[in-house]
N, C-alpha and C. Protein backbone atom coordinates (compact mmCIF):
# COMPACT_ATOMS: atom_id res chain seq x y z
N MET A 1 5.49 12.80 16.36
CA MET A 1 5.46 11.48 15.60
C MET A 1 5.12 12.01 14.47
N ALA A 2 5.21 12.37 12.94
CA ALA A 2 4.49 12.89 12.09
C ALA A 2 3.38 12.03 11.57
N SER A 3 2.59 12.27 11.07
CA SER A 3 1.09 11.84 10.19
C SER A 3 1.28 10.43 9.83
N TRP A 4 0.60 9.63 9.58
CA TRP A 4 0.55 8.37 9.02
C TRP A 4 0.66 8.46 7.48
N THR A 5 -0.16 9.32 6.70
CA THR A 5 -0.58 9.16 4.98
C THR A 5 0.58 9.92 4.20
N SER A 6 1.19 9.53 3.60
CA SER A 6 1.97 10.34 2.80
C SER A 6 1.51 11.73 2.34
N GLU A 7 0.44 11.87 1.78
CA GLU A 7 -0.38 12.81 1.87
C GLU A 7 -0.23 14.14 2.52
N MET A 8 -0.40 13.54 4.04
CA MET A 8 -0.19 14.77 5.07
C MET A 8 0.75 15.15 5.47
N THR A 9 1.91 13.90 5.03
CA THR A 9 3.05 14.27 5.80
C THR A 9 3.84 15.48 4.99
N MET A 10 3.57 15.26 3.32
CA MET A 10 4.06 15.59 2.12
C MET A 10 3.77 17.29 2.54
N ALA A 11 2.19 17.55 2.99
CA ALA A 11 1.66 18.68 3.21
C ALA A 11 2.55 19.71 4.77
N THR A 12 2.97 18.71 5.43
CA THR A 12 3.66 19.22 7.02
C THR A 12 4.74 18.99 6.82
N VAL A 13 5.68 18.18 6.21
CA VAL A 13 7.17 17.65 6.76
C VAL A 13 7.93 19.29 6.32
N ASP A 14 7.65 19.95 5.68
CA ASP A 14 8.77 21.35 5.18
C ASP A 14 8.67 22.54 6.21
N ILE A 15 7.15 22.18 7.09
CA ILE A 15 6.86 23.00 8.55
C ILE A 15 7.74 22.47 9.25
N TYR A 16 8.15 21.23 9.81
CA TYR A 16 8.87 20.57 10.72
C TYR A 16 10.42 20.88 10.84
N ASN A 17 10.69 20.73 9.32
CA ASN A 17 12.46 21.25 8.97
C ASN A 17 12.36 22.43 9.09
N GLN A 18 11.63 23.38 8.73
CA GLN A 18 12.11 24.80 9.10
C GLN A 18 11.82 25.18 10.03
N ASN A 19 11.48 24.71 11.22
CA ASN A 19 11.44 24.70 12.59
C ASN A 19 12.45 23.92 13.36
N GLN A 20 13.20 23.16 13.00
CA GLN A 20 13.83 22.07 13.20
C GLN A 20 13.24 21.16 14.32
N LEU A 21 12.19 20.79 13.58
CA LEU A 21 10.97 19.87 14.69
C LEU A 21 11.12 18.42 13.93
N VAL A 22 11.78 17.18 14.82
CA VAL A 22 12.05 16.36 14.57
C VAL A 22 10.54 15.64 14.23
N SER A 23 10.79 14.79 13.08
CA SER A 23 9.42 14.16 12.82
C SER A 23 9.60 12.60 12.38
N VAL A 24 9.28 11.89 12.81
CA VAL A 24 9.33 10.08 12.58
C VAL A 24 7.73 9.96 11.92
N SER A 25 7.78 9.32 10.95
CA SER A 25 6.52 9.20 10.39
C SER A 25 6.22 7.45 10.34
N PRO A 26 5.41 6.78 10.77
CA PRO A 26 5.27 5.40 10.58
C PRO A 26 5.04 4.56 9.29
N GLY A 27 4.03 5.29 8.72
CA GLY A 27 3.61 4.70 7.13
C GLY A 27 4.02 5.83 5.89
N ALA A 28 4.40 6.98 6.14
CA ALA A 28 4.64 7.58 4.36
C ALA A 28 5.79 7.36 3.53
N ALA A 29 5.10 6.60 2.78
CA ALA A 29 6.48 5.63 1.99
C ALA A 29 6.63 6.40 0.85
N THR A 30 6.31 7.34 0.09
CA THR A 30 6.71 8.24 -1.08
C THR A 30 8.04 8.24 -0.99
N SER A 31 8.76 7.99 -2.25
CA SER A 31 9.93 8.39 -2.68
C SER A 31 10.37 9.84 -2.20
N GLU A 32 9.06 10.60 -2.64
CA GLU A 32 9.28 12.33 -3.12
C GLU A 32 9.98 12.64 -1.39
N LEU A 33 9.31 12.27 -0.44
CA LEU A 33 10.16 12.41 0.97
C LEU A 33 11.46 12.74 1.27
N THR A 34 12.43 11.72 0.73
CA THR A 34 13.80 11.66 0.63
C THR A 34 14.28 12.11 -0.56
N ASP A 35 13.64 12.80 -1.68
CA ASP A 35 14.31 13.10 -2.69
C ASP A 35 15.12 13.86 -2.57
N GLN A 36 14.86 15.20 -1.71
CA GLN A 36 15.84 16.34 -1.21
C GLN A 36 16.24 16.00 0.09
N PRO A 37 17.36 16.67 0.72
CA PRO A 37 17.62 16.38 2.15
C PRO A 37 16.65 17.25 2.92
N ARG A 38 16.28 16.63 4.02
CA ARG A 38 15.15 17.02 5.25
C ARG A 38 15.81 16.04 6.57
N PRO A 39 17.00 17.25 6.75
CA PRO A 39 17.65 16.57 8.22
C PRO A 39 16.56 16.16 9.37
N PHE A 40 15.19 16.72 9.53
CA PHE A 40 14.82 16.24 10.83
C PHE A 40 13.40 15.27 10.40
N PHE A 41 13.72 15.10 9.13
CA PHE A 41 12.37 13.72 8.62
C PHE A 41 13.09 12.61 8.80
N PHE A 42 12.51 11.33 9.20
CA PHE A 42 12.57 10.15 9.38
C PHE A 42 11.54 9.40 9.18
N ARG A 43 11.64 8.04 8.96
CA ARG A 43 10.27 7.21 8.73
C ARG A 43 10.97 5.28 9.26
N VAL A 44 10.25 4.76 9.56
CA VAL A 44 10.26 3.54 9.78
C VAL A 44 9.90 2.29 8.89
N VAL A 45 9.32 3.24 8.03
CA VAL A 45 8.41 2.45 6.49
C VAL A 45 9.38 1.88 5.95
N THR A 46 9.07 1.05 5.33
CA THR A 46 9.91 0.75 3.70
C THR A 46 9.15 1.60 2.64
N THR A 47 10.29 2.59 1.72
CA THR A 47 10.02 3.13 1.03
C THR A 47 9.47 2.26 -0.18
N ASN A 48 8.96 3.20 -1.27
CA ASN A 48 7.90 2.33 -2.48
C ASN A 48 8.73 1.84 -3.21
N HIS A 49 10.28 2.18 -3.58
CA HIS A 49 11.20 1.28 -4.23
C HIS A 49 11.11 -0.18 -3.94
N LEU A 50 11.40 -0.20 -2.40
CA LEU A 50 11.22 -1.93 -2.06
C LEU A 50 10.21 -2.31 -2.34
N ARG A 51 9.05 -1.89 -1.73
CA ARG A 51 7.60 -2.02 -1.45
C ARG A 51 7.46 -2.58 -3.24
N ALA A 52 7.28 -1.80 -3.87
CA ALA A 52 6.97 -1.55 -5.57
C ALA A 52 8.11 -3.50 -6.06
N GLU A 53 8.95 -3.42 -5.26
CA GLU A 53 9.94 -4.74 -6.09
C GLU A 53 9.36 -6.14 -5.33
N ALA A 54 8.48 -5.93 -4.42
CA ALA A 54 8.12 -6.82 -3.53
C ALA A 54 6.99 -7.27 -4.28
N MET A 55 6.19 -6.50 -4.98
CA MET A 55 4.78 -6.75 -5.78
C MET A 55 5.25 -7.28 -6.95
N VAL A 56 6.43 -6.61 -7.73
CA VAL A 56 6.60 -7.13 -8.85
C VAL A 56 7.27 -8.49 -8.61
N ASP A 57 7.64 -9.11 -7.54
CA ASP A 57 8.26 -10.33 -7.57
C ASP A 57 6.74 -11.69 -7.34
N VAL A 58 5.66 -10.47 -6.28
CA VAL A 58 4.78 -11.39 -6.08
C VAL A 58 4.30 -11.90 -7.48
N LEU A 59 3.62 -11.29 -8.32
CA LEU A 59 3.36 -11.01 -9.91
C LEU A 59 4.26 -12.07 -10.78
N MET A 60 5.17 -12.00 -10.65
CA MET A 60 6.43 -12.62 -11.75
C MET A 60 6.78 -13.72 -11.57
N ASN A 61 7.01 -13.87 -9.91
CA ASN A 61 7.83 -15.33 -9.43
C ASN A 61 6.59 -16.27 -8.71
N LYS A 62 5.79 -15.29 -8.15
CA LYS A 62 4.88 -16.42 -7.60
C LYS A 62 3.36 -16.72 -8.04
N ILE A 63 3.02 -16.06 -8.98
CA ILE A 63 2.17 -16.42 -9.57
C ILE A 63 2.12 -16.48 -11.15
N ASN A 64 2.97 -16.13 -12.05
CA ASN A 64 3.31 -15.72 -13.10
C ASN A 64 2.75 -15.27 -14.07
N GLN A 65 2.78 -13.86 -13.51
CA GLN A 65 1.85 -13.11 -14.44
C GLN A 65 2.71 -11.77 -14.78
N ASN A 66 2.39 -11.50 -16.16
CA ASN A 66 3.79 -10.81 -16.83
C ASN A 66 3.23 -9.29 -17.48
N ARG A 67 1.73 -9.32 -17.02
CA ARG A 67 0.58 -8.23 -18.02
C ARG A 67 -0.21 -7.79 -16.65
N ALA A 68 -0.26 -6.39 -16.46
CA ALA A 68 -0.97 -6.11 -15.84
C ALA A 68 -1.71 -4.63 -16.25
N THR A 69 -2.69 -4.61 -15.51
CA THR A 69 -3.58 -3.18 -15.23
C THR A 69 -3.53 -2.63 -14.26
N ILE A 70 -3.11 -1.34 -13.77
CA ILE A 70 -2.96 -0.83 -12.84
C ILE A 70 -3.83 0.21 -12.19
N PHE A 71 -4.38 0.03 -10.99
CA PHE A 71 -5.56 1.17 -10.61
C PHE A 71 -4.98 1.51 -9.36
N TYR A 72 -5.08 2.98 -9.39
CA TYR A 72 -4.57 4.05 -8.60
C TYR A 72 -4.65 5.26 -8.83
N ASN A 73 -4.23 6.63 -7.79
CA ASN A 73 -5.07 7.47 -7.71
C ASN A 73 -3.76 8.29 -8.47
N PRO A 74 -3.57 9.07 -9.49
CA PRO A 74 -2.59 9.86 -9.79
C PRO A 74 -2.35 11.21 -9.01
N ALA A 75 -3.49 11.51 -8.08
CA ALA A 75 -3.19 12.72 -7.69
C ALA A 75 -2.43 12.45 -5.83
N SER A 76 -2.68 11.62 -5.85
CA SER A 76 -1.79 10.86 -4.21
C SER A 76 -0.21 10.93 -4.35
N PRO A 77 0.44 11.53 -3.66
CA PRO A 77 1.60 11.29 -3.60
C PRO A 77 2.17 10.29 -3.39
N TYR A 78 1.72 9.28 -2.68
CA TYR A 78 2.05 8.18 -2.41
C TYR A 78 1.39 6.89 -3.33
N SER A 79 0.05 7.24 -3.78
CA SER A 79 -0.27 6.14 -5.04
C SER A 79 0.70 6.46 -6.30
N SER A 80 1.07 7.73 -6.64
CA SER A 80 1.30 7.89 -7.82
C SER A 80 2.73 7.62 -7.72
N ASP A 81 3.42 7.68 -6.74
CA ASP A 81 4.71 7.38 -6.57
C ASP A 81 5.12 5.94 -6.75
N TYR A 82 4.06 5.42 -5.90
CA TYR A 82 4.23 3.46 -5.75
C TYR A 82 4.14 3.08 -7.66
N LYS A 83 2.94 3.81 -8.30
CA LYS A 83 2.97 3.16 -9.16
C LYS A 83 3.73 3.33 -10.47
N LYS A 84 4.14 4.64 -10.18
CA LYS A 84 5.58 5.09 -11.10
C LYS A 84 6.83 3.79 -10.57
N ARG A 85 7.17 3.55 -9.14
CA ARG A 85 8.12 2.69 -8.67
C ARG A 85 7.52 0.94 -9.50
N PHE A 86 6.74 0.88 -9.07
CA PHE A 86 6.17 -0.81 -9.68
C PHE A 86 6.24 -0.54 -11.44
N LYS A 87 5.90 0.25 -12.01
CA LYS A 87 5.99 0.19 -13.33
C LYS A 87 7.53 0.09 -13.68
N GLU A 88 8.51 0.82 -13.10
CA GLU A 88 9.77 0.90 -13.71
C GLU A 88 10.42 -0.98 -13.11
N LYS A 89 10.21 -1.29 -12.00
CA LYS A 89 10.33 -2.58 -11.83
C LYS A 89 10.07 -3.73 -12.81
N PHE A 90 8.62 -3.40 -13.04
CA PHE A 90 8.19 -4.19 -13.56
C PHE A 90 8.55 -4.38 -15.27
N LEU A 91 8.36 -3.41 -15.80
CA LEU A 91 9.13 -3.05 -17.00
C LEU A 91 10.23 -4.03 -17.08
N GLU A 92 11.23 -3.32 -16.10
CA GLU A 92 12.74 -3.86 -16.22
C GLU A 92 12.97 -5.63 -16.18
N LYS A 93 11.58 -5.94 -15.76
CA LYS A 93 11.75 -7.47 -15.40
C LYS A 93 11.21 -8.24 -16.62
N GLY A 94 10.82 -7.49 -17.44
CA GLY A 94 9.93 -8.04 -18.73
C GLY A 94 8.36 -8.00 -18.82
N GLY A 95 8.18 -7.12 -17.77
CA GLY A 95 6.04 -6.96 -17.58
C GLY A 95 5.76 -5.97 -18.52
N TYR A 96 4.54 -6.36 -19.09
CA TYR A 96 3.61 -5.24 -19.69
C TYR A 96 2.72 -4.34 -18.82
N ILE A 97 2.46 -3.25 -19.31
CA ILE A 97 1.78 -2.66 -18.54
C ILE A 97 0.40 -2.49 -19.72
N VAL A 98 -0.69 -3.15 -19.40
CA VAL A 98 -1.67 -3.00 -20.80
C VAL A 98 -2.45 -1.75 -20.19
N ASP A 99 -2.60 -1.19 -18.91
CA ASP A 99 -3.61 0.50 -18.58
C ASP A 99 -3.30 0.63 -17.55
N SER A 100 -3.51 2.17 -17.52
CA SER A 100 -3.59 2.72 -15.82
C SER A 100 -4.65 3.35 -15.70
N VAL A 101 -5.59 3.13 -14.49
CA VAL A 101 -6.85 3.72 -14.53
C VAL A 101 -6.78 4.60 -13.27
N ASN A 102 -7.37 5.65 -13.09
CA ASN A 102 -7.37 6.64 -12.01
C ASN A 102 -8.78 5.86 -11.21
N ILE A 103 -8.15 5.41 -10.00
CA ILE A 103 -9.42 4.52 -8.91
C ILE A 103 -10.11 5.66 -7.96
N SER A 104 -9.48 7.10 -8.47
CA SER A 104 -10.30 7.74 -6.87
C SER A 104 -11.76 8.72 -7.49
N GLN A 105 -11.94 8.42 -8.43
CA GLN A 105 -12.92 9.21 -8.73
C GLN A 105 -14.08 8.66 -8.08
N SER A 106 -15.23 9.80 -8.10
CA SER A 106 -16.18 9.40 -7.10
C SER A 106 -16.98 8.37 -8.40
N ASN A 107 -17.57 9.11 -9.36
CA ASN A 107 -18.23 8.54 -10.27
C ASN A 107 -17.45 7.34 -11.37
N PHE A 108 -16.30 6.44 -10.63
CA PHE A 108 -15.87 5.36 -10.97
C PHE A 108 -16.50 3.74 -11.16
N ASN A 109 -16.65 3.39 -12.25
CA ASN A 109 -17.25 2.33 -12.44
C ASN A 109 -16.96 1.19 -12.92
N ALA A 110 -16.56 0.46 -11.55
CA ALA A 110 -16.17 -0.97 -11.26
C ALA A 110 -16.32 -2.13 -11.95
N LYS A 111 -17.35 -2.27 -12.76
CA LYS A 111 -18.06 -2.87 -13.57
C LYS A 111 -17.72 -2.55 -14.87
N SER A 112 -17.58 -1.67 -15.57
CA SER A 112 -17.12 -1.22 -16.53
C SER A 112 -15.26 -1.46 -16.70
N ALA A 113 -14.97 -1.34 -15.29
CA ALA A 113 -13.47 -1.11 -15.43
C ALA A 113 -12.93 -2.93 -15.42
N ILE A 114 -13.96 -3.85 -15.06
CA ILE A 114 -13.55 -5.25 -14.66
C ILE A 114 -13.81 -5.65 -16.46
N GLN A 115 -14.63 -5.15 -17.25
CA GLN A 115 -15.09 -5.69 -18.47
C GLN A 115 -14.17 -5.60 -19.42
N LYS A 116 -13.15 -4.20 -19.31
CA LYS A 116 -12.31 -3.64 -19.97
C LYS A 116 -11.00 -5.00 -19.97
N VAL A 117 -10.69 -5.21 -18.78
CA VAL A 117 -10.05 -6.06 -18.22
C VAL A 117 -9.80 -7.50 -18.79
N ARG A 118 -11.65 -7.41 -18.85
CA ARG A 118 -11.45 -8.86 -19.43
C ARG A 118 -11.62 -9.15 -21.12
N ASN A 119 -11.97 -8.01 -21.68
CA ASN A 119 -11.48 -7.97 -22.98
C ASN A 119 -9.92 -8.07 -23.35
N SER A 120 -8.97 -8.09 -22.26
CA SER A 120 -7.74 -8.09 -22.90
C SER A 120 -7.39 -9.45 -22.73
N GLU A 121 -5.94 -9.63 -22.89
CA GLU A 121 -5.32 -10.90 -22.68
C GLU A 121 -5.46 -11.27 -21.57
N LYS A 122 -4.83 -12.53 -20.95
CA LYS A 122 -4.96 -12.73 -19.48
C LYS A 122 -4.16 -11.71 -18.91
N LEU A 123 -4.34 -11.29 -17.62
CA LEU A 123 -3.49 -10.45 -17.22
C LEU A 123 -4.13 -10.42 -15.29
N ALA A 124 -2.83 -9.64 -14.73
CA ALA A 124 -3.56 -9.41 -13.52
C ALA A 124 -3.81 -8.24 -13.24
N ILE A 125 -4.37 -7.91 -12.04
CA ILE A 125 -4.86 -6.30 -11.27
C ILE A 125 -4.13 -5.99 -10.33
N VAL A 126 -3.85 -5.06 -10.46
CA VAL A 126 -2.75 -4.00 -9.40
C VAL A 126 -3.59 -2.98 -8.40
N LEU A 127 -3.52 -3.32 -7.73
CA LEU A 127 -4.64 -2.02 -6.82
C LEU A 127 -3.88 -1.09 -6.04
N ILE A 128 -3.31 -0.23 -6.05
CA ILE A 128 -2.36 1.06 -5.48
C ILE A 128 -3.36 2.13 -5.09
N PRO A 129 -4.40 1.86 -4.24
CA PRO A 129 -5.57 3.10 -3.66
C PRO A 129 -4.61 4.07 -2.98
N ASP A 130 -4.74 4.99 -2.55
CA ASP A 130 -4.14 6.09 -1.25
C ASP A 130 -4.36 5.44 -0.16
N GLY A 131 -4.37 6.79 0.52
CA GLY A 131 -4.05 6.45 2.61
C GLY A 131 -5.62 7.18 2.71
N GLN A 132 -6.61 6.54 1.95
CA GLN A 132 -8.12 6.81 2.33
C GLN A 132 -8.53 8.31 2.38
N VAL A 133 -7.60 9.07 1.12
CA VAL A 133 -8.12 10.56 1.15
C VAL A 133 -9.15 11.10 0.20
N SER A 134 -9.24 9.82 -0.59
CA SER A 134 -10.56 9.92 -1.31
C SER A 134 -11.29 8.43 -1.53
N ASP A 135 -11.96 8.31 -2.60
CA ASP A 135 -12.85 7.28 -2.87
C ASP A 135 -12.01 5.94 -3.63
N ALA A 136 -10.99 5.84 -3.83
CA ALA A 136 -10.13 5.11 -3.93
C ALA A 136 -9.68 3.85 -3.17
N LEU A 137 -10.05 3.40 -1.95
CA LEU A 137 -10.36 2.45 -1.28
C LEU A 137 -11.25 1.79 -1.64
N VAL A 138 -12.60 2.63 -1.43
CA VAL A 138 -14.15 2.16 -1.96
C VAL A 138 -14.20 1.32 -2.93
N ASN A 139 -13.71 2.20 -4.01
CA ASN A 139 -13.55 1.72 -5.64
C ASN A 139 -12.46 0.42 -5.65
N ALA A 140 -11.61 0.46 -5.29
CA ALA A 140 -10.81 -0.95 -4.94
C ALA A 140 -11.96 -1.87 -4.71
N LEU A 141 -12.37 -1.98 -3.60
CA LEU A 141 -13.18 -2.86 -2.80
C LEU A 141 -13.99 -3.43 -4.04
N GLU A 142 -14.58 -2.14 -4.72
CA GLU A 142 -15.43 -2.56 -5.51
C GLU A 142 -15.30 -3.46 -6.63
N VAL A 143 -13.57 -3.06 -7.40
CA VAL A 143 -13.10 -3.82 -8.18
C VAL A 143 -12.88 -5.45 -7.70
N ILE A 144 -12.85 -5.83 -6.67
CA ILE A 144 -12.08 -6.66 -6.30
C ILE A 144 -13.53 -7.66 -6.03
N LYS A 145 -15.02 -7.31 -5.88
CA LYS A 145 -15.94 -7.89 -6.03
C LYS A 145 -16.55 -7.91 -7.41
N LYS A 146 -16.49 -7.21 -8.39
CA LYS A 146 -17.04 -7.22 -9.49
C LYS A 146 -15.75 -8.40 -10.20
N ASN A 147 -14.57 -8.33 -9.76
CA ASN A 147 -13.46 -9.34 -10.52
C ASN A 147 -13.80 -10.90 -10.13
N SER A 148 -15.14 -11.00 -8.96
CA SER A 148 -15.43 -12.23 -8.46
C SER A 148 -14.12 -13.29 -8.65
N GLY A 149 -13.31 -13.22 -8.15
CA GLY A 149 -12.19 -14.17 -8.27
C GLY A 149 -12.00 -14.57 -9.30
N GLN A 150 -11.64 -13.92 -10.54
CA GLN A 150 -11.57 -14.57 -12.12
C GLN A 150 -9.97 -14.20 -12.18
N ASN A 151 -9.66 -12.74 -12.53
CA ASN A 151 -8.48 -12.24 -12.92
C ASN A 151 -7.52 -12.15 -11.16
N TRP A 152 -6.27 -12.71 -11.14
CA TRP A 152 -5.30 -12.64 -10.22
C TRP A 152 -5.39 -10.57 -9.61
N ILE A 153 -5.15 -10.39 -8.19
CA ILE A 153 -5.10 -9.23 -7.93
C ILE A 153 -4.33 -8.96 -6.98
N VAL A 154 -3.30 -8.11 -7.08
CA VAL A 154 -2.31 -7.45 -6.31
C VAL A 154 -2.64 -6.67 -6.08
N GLY A 155 -2.88 -6.25 -4.29
CA GLY A 155 -3.03 -5.04 -4.14
C GLY A 155 -1.86 -4.69 -2.52
N ASP A 156 -1.84 -3.17 -2.74
CA ASP A 156 -0.73 -2.78 -1.82
C ASP A 156 -0.90 -2.74 -0.36
N SER A 157 -0.35 -2.48 0.89
CA SER A 157 -0.96 -2.88 2.00
C SER A 157 -1.83 -2.11 2.36
N SER A 158 -2.43 -0.70 1.51
CA SER A 158 -4.10 -0.44 1.97
C SER A 158 -5.19 -0.81 2.00
N ILE A 159 -4.79 -2.33 1.00
CA ILE A 159 -5.94 -3.22 0.41
C ILE A 159 -5.98 -4.25 2.18
N TYR A 160 -5.10 -4.22 2.85
CA TYR A 160 -5.11 -5.13 3.93
C TYR A 160 -6.15 -3.80 5.28
N SER A 161 -7.19 -4.54 5.55
CA SER A 161 -8.47 -3.79 5.95
C SER A 161 -9.17 -4.57 6.25
N PRO A 162 -10.05 -4.28 7.31
CA PRO A 162 -11.84 -4.68 7.52
C PRO A 162 -12.30 -5.06 6.85
N LYS A 163 -12.43 -3.82 6.03
CA LYS A 163 -13.38 -3.25 4.77
C LYS A 163 -13.29 -4.45 3.93
N THR A 164 -11.92 -4.92 3.71
CA THR A 164 -11.76 -6.22 2.63
C THR A 164 -12.52 -7.32 3.02
N LEU A 165 -11.90 -7.76 4.52
CA LEU A 165 -13.05 -8.91 4.76
C LEU A 165 -14.32 -9.22 4.44
N LYS A 166 -14.46 -7.62 5.16
CA LYS A 166 -16.17 -7.80 5.03
C LYS A 166 -16.96 -7.91 3.62
N ILE A 167 -16.06 -8.25 2.79
CA ILE A 167 -16.77 -8.33 1.29
C ILE A 167 -17.78 -9.55 1.44
N GLY A 168 -16.72 -10.57 2.63
CA GLY A 168 -17.62 -11.80 3.20
C GLY A 168 -17.94 -13.05 2.25
N GLN A 169 -17.01 -13.00 0.88
CA GLN A 169 -17.50 -13.98 0.25
C GLN A 169 -15.84 -14.71 -0.35
N PRO A 170 -15.63 -16.10 0.60
CA PRO A 170 -14.26 -16.35 0.35
C PRO A 170 -13.31 -16.73 -1.20
N GLN A 171 -14.97 -17.03 -1.91
CA GLN A 171 -14.18 -17.09 -3.34
C GLN A 171 -14.04 -15.94 -4.08
N ILE A 172 -14.59 -14.94 -3.61
CA ILE A 172 -13.88 -13.55 -4.39
C ILE A 172 -12.76 -13.28 -3.94
N LEU A 173 -12.09 -13.61 -3.11
CA LEU A 173 -10.87 -13.42 -2.33
C LEU A 173 -9.67 -14.58 -2.67
N GLU A 174 -10.15 -15.35 -2.94
CA GLU A 174 -9.21 -16.57 -3.36
C GLU A 174 -8.09 -16.12 -4.50
N LYS A 175 -8.21 -15.05 -4.97
CA LYS A 175 -7.17 -15.04 -5.84
C LYS A 175 -6.25 -13.39 -5.88
N LEU A 176 -6.60 -13.07 -4.21
CA LEU A 176 -6.09 -11.62 -3.94
C LEU A 176 -4.94 -11.81 -3.09
N ILE A 177 -3.90 -10.90 -3.37
CA ILE A 177 -3.06 -10.91 -2.45
C ILE A 177 -2.67 -9.61 -2.42
N VAL A 178 -2.43 -9.45 -1.10
CA VAL A 178 -2.15 -8.20 -0.11
C VAL A 178 -0.36 -8.27 -0.04
N THR A 179 0.32 -7.29 -0.25
CA THR A 179 1.48 -6.87 0.38
C THR A 179 1.63 -6.11 1.44
N VAL A 180 2.34 -6.43 2.62
CA VAL A 180 2.24 -5.77 3.70
C VAL A 180 3.46 -5.48 4.24
N ASN A 181 3.91 -4.75 5.20
CA ASN A 181 4.88 -4.19 5.44
C ASN A 181 5.01 -5.26 6.90
N TRP A 182 4.18 -5.61 7.73
CA TRP A 182 4.38 -6.44 8.89
C TRP A 182 3.47 -7.25 9.06
N HIS A 183 3.21 -8.76 9.44
CA HIS A 183 2.35 -9.53 10.38
C HIS A 183 2.41 -10.20 11.39
N HIS A 184 1.75 -10.18 12.05
CA HIS A 184 1.83 -10.82 13.34
C HIS A 184 2.42 -12.52 13.09
N LEU A 185 1.86 -13.11 12.20
CA LEU A 185 2.32 -14.58 11.84
C LEU A 185 3.40 -14.61 11.27
N ASN A 186 3.91 -13.27 10.79
CA ASN A 186 5.40 -13.58 10.09
C ASN A 186 6.55 -14.13 11.15
N ASN A 187 6.23 -13.79 12.28
CA ASN A 187 7.45 -13.82 13.58
C ASN A 187 6.31 -13.83 14.76
N PRO A 188 5.61 -14.83 14.85
CA PRO A 188 4.66 -15.07 16.22
C PRO A 188 5.29 -15.02 17.66
N LYS A 189 6.74 -15.44 17.71
CA LYS A 189 7.12 -15.10 18.84
C LYS A 189 7.72 -13.62 19.22
N ASP A 190 7.94 -13.22 18.29
CA ASP A 190 8.52 -11.43 18.60
C ASP A 190 7.97 -11.12 19.49
N ASN A 191 8.49 -10.52 20.32
CA ASN A 191 7.73 -9.59 21.79
C ASN A 191 6.92 -8.95 21.43
N PHE A 192 6.94 -7.84 20.80
CA PHE A 192 5.92 -6.63 20.43
C PHE A 192 4.86 -7.67 20.11
N ALA A 193 4.93 -8.55 18.98
CA ALA A 193 3.23 -9.32 18.85
C ALA A 193 3.06 -10.24 20.09
N LYS A 194 3.90 -10.89 20.56
CA LYS A 194 3.07 -11.19 21.62
C LYS A 194 2.37 -10.59 22.79
N THR A 195 3.48 -9.26 23.51
CA THR A 195 2.58 -8.62 23.98
C THR A 195 1.69 -7.57 23.67
N ALA A 196 1.45 -7.39 22.23
CA ALA A 196 0.09 -6.47 21.94
C ALA A 196 -0.95 -7.57 21.86
N LYS A 197 -0.84 -8.86 21.43
CA LYS A 197 -1.64 -9.90 21.26
C LYS A 197 -2.68 -9.59 22.73
N GLU A 198 -1.38 -9.93 24.01
CA GLU A 198 -2.10 -9.87 25.35
C GLU A 198 -2.71 -8.98 25.66
N PHE A 199 -2.38 -7.63 25.11
CA PHE A 199 -3.12 -6.19 25.65
C PHE A 199 -4.12 -6.29 25.14
N TRP A 200 -4.14 -6.37 23.73
CA TRP A 200 -5.89 -6.28 23.02
C TRP A 200 -6.42 -7.57 22.79
N ARG A 201 -6.12 -8.69 23.34
CA ARG A 201 -6.73 -9.57 23.13
C ARG A 201 -7.04 -10.17 22.08
N GLY A 202 -6.08 -10.26 20.79
CA GLY A 202 -6.17 -10.29 19.55
C GLY A 202 -4.98 -9.96 19.00
N PRO A 203 -4.57 -10.27 17.86
CA PRO A 203 -3.51 -9.95 16.85
C PRO A 203 -3.61 -8.65 16.18
N VAL A 204 -2.68 -7.45 16.51
CA VAL A 204 -2.74 -6.04 15.60
C VAL A 204 -2.04 -6.01 14.32
N SER A 205 -2.47 -4.80 13.57
CA SER A 205 -2.23 -4.77 12.44
C SER A 205 -0.81 -4.06 12.50
N ASP A 206 -0.44 -4.15 10.72
CA ASP A 206 1.23 -3.24 10.25
C ASP A 206 1.34 -1.99 11.17
N ARG A 207 -0.10 -1.18 11.07
CA ARG A 207 -0.03 -0.14 11.49
C ARG A 207 0.32 0.42 13.23
N THR A 208 -0.49 -0.54 13.84
CA THR A 208 0.16 -0.57 15.35
C THR A 208 1.71 -0.98 15.34
N ALA A 209 1.66 -1.89 14.73
CA ALA A 209 4.04 -2.13 14.55
C ALA A 209 4.52 -1.11 14.53
N LEU A 210 3.93 -0.68 13.40
CA LEU A 210 4.82 0.66 12.76
C LEU A 210 4.80 1.47 13.69
N SER A 211 3.41 2.00 14.19
CA SER A 211 3.29 2.78 14.72
C SER A 211 4.36 3.14 16.64
N TYR A 212 4.35 1.87 16.85
CA TYR A 212 5.23 1.34 17.97
C TYR A 212 6.20 1.79 17.77
N ASP A 213 7.27 1.59 16.41
CA ASP A 213 8.55 1.32 16.22
C ASP A 213 8.70 3.19 16.09
N ALA A 214 7.58 3.88 15.38
CA ALA A 214 8.15 5.43 15.43
C ALA A 214 8.05 6.26 16.75
N ALA A 215 6.91 5.58 17.56
CA ALA A 215 7.42 6.18 18.77
C ALA A 215 8.68 5.65 20.08
N GLN A 216 9.15 4.50 19.49
CA GLN A 216 10.27 3.54 19.96
C GLN A 216 12.03 4.86 19.90
N VAL A 217 11.70 5.19 18.34
CA VAL A 217 12.44 6.06 17.98
C VAL A 217 12.44 7.77 18.83
N LEU A 218 11.08 8.28 18.63
CA LEU A 218 11.12 9.13 19.10
C LEU A 218 11.49 8.96 20.66
N ILE A 219 11.37 8.18 21.74
CA ILE A 219 11.82 7.90 23.23
C ILE A 219 13.17 7.98 22.75
N LYS A 220 13.34 7.23 22.44
CA LYS A 220 15.22 7.12 22.25
C LYS A 220 15.77 8.27 22.13
N GLY A 221 15.60 9.33 21.04
CA GLY A 221 15.51 10.34 20.84
C GLY A 221 15.88 11.17 22.14
N ILE A 222 14.47 11.08 22.81
CA ILE A 222 14.26 12.12 23.61
C ILE A 222 15.44 11.92 25.06
N GLU A 223 15.58 10.45 25.04
CA GLU A 223 16.70 9.87 25.85
C GLU A 223 17.80 10.62 25.77
């Protein structure tokens, strides 16, 4: 099985292909991985093209927001690709990007960033941190805290984390929407969801579900 993050997968995928070793990634979503033929690479996760489209739909059709500031990591293959795909879809639908902010820097100031957002007209905040290979997620959580539930925030699946819930103040999270690949409540009667809940004594995340799918692909291939 290949690694989870796009960063690690991008660094290793050609080594697998050169040695004709099959790799199946449960989480690497960057479009770069399939921009050129890689016959031994597969993935079970939705690519950033479709993930960005879902996020745009949430912004424009669910919460009626057509102006946004994007917080992302330009050095991350996943985050930068997601931002690119999001921008394409958002502009195509008539949206407007007010600003794009590097959220990965260790000296990132969330309070200052939120103040800049406040100085603009009504807009939403889009959070696209990386796969926890920098300070991006930590900084994204600070953005959520400093926002204090005022502007709408839409985040990618990396925001779906126990670290987010540990913020512990429901009013801060009332205007936070997170787009995820899979959720146990979406289909609670699914065999995997039921079995996983019985085994782990509680619901599992999309990471567990996608890793299970990737393992099933490899098992079938071996058979």
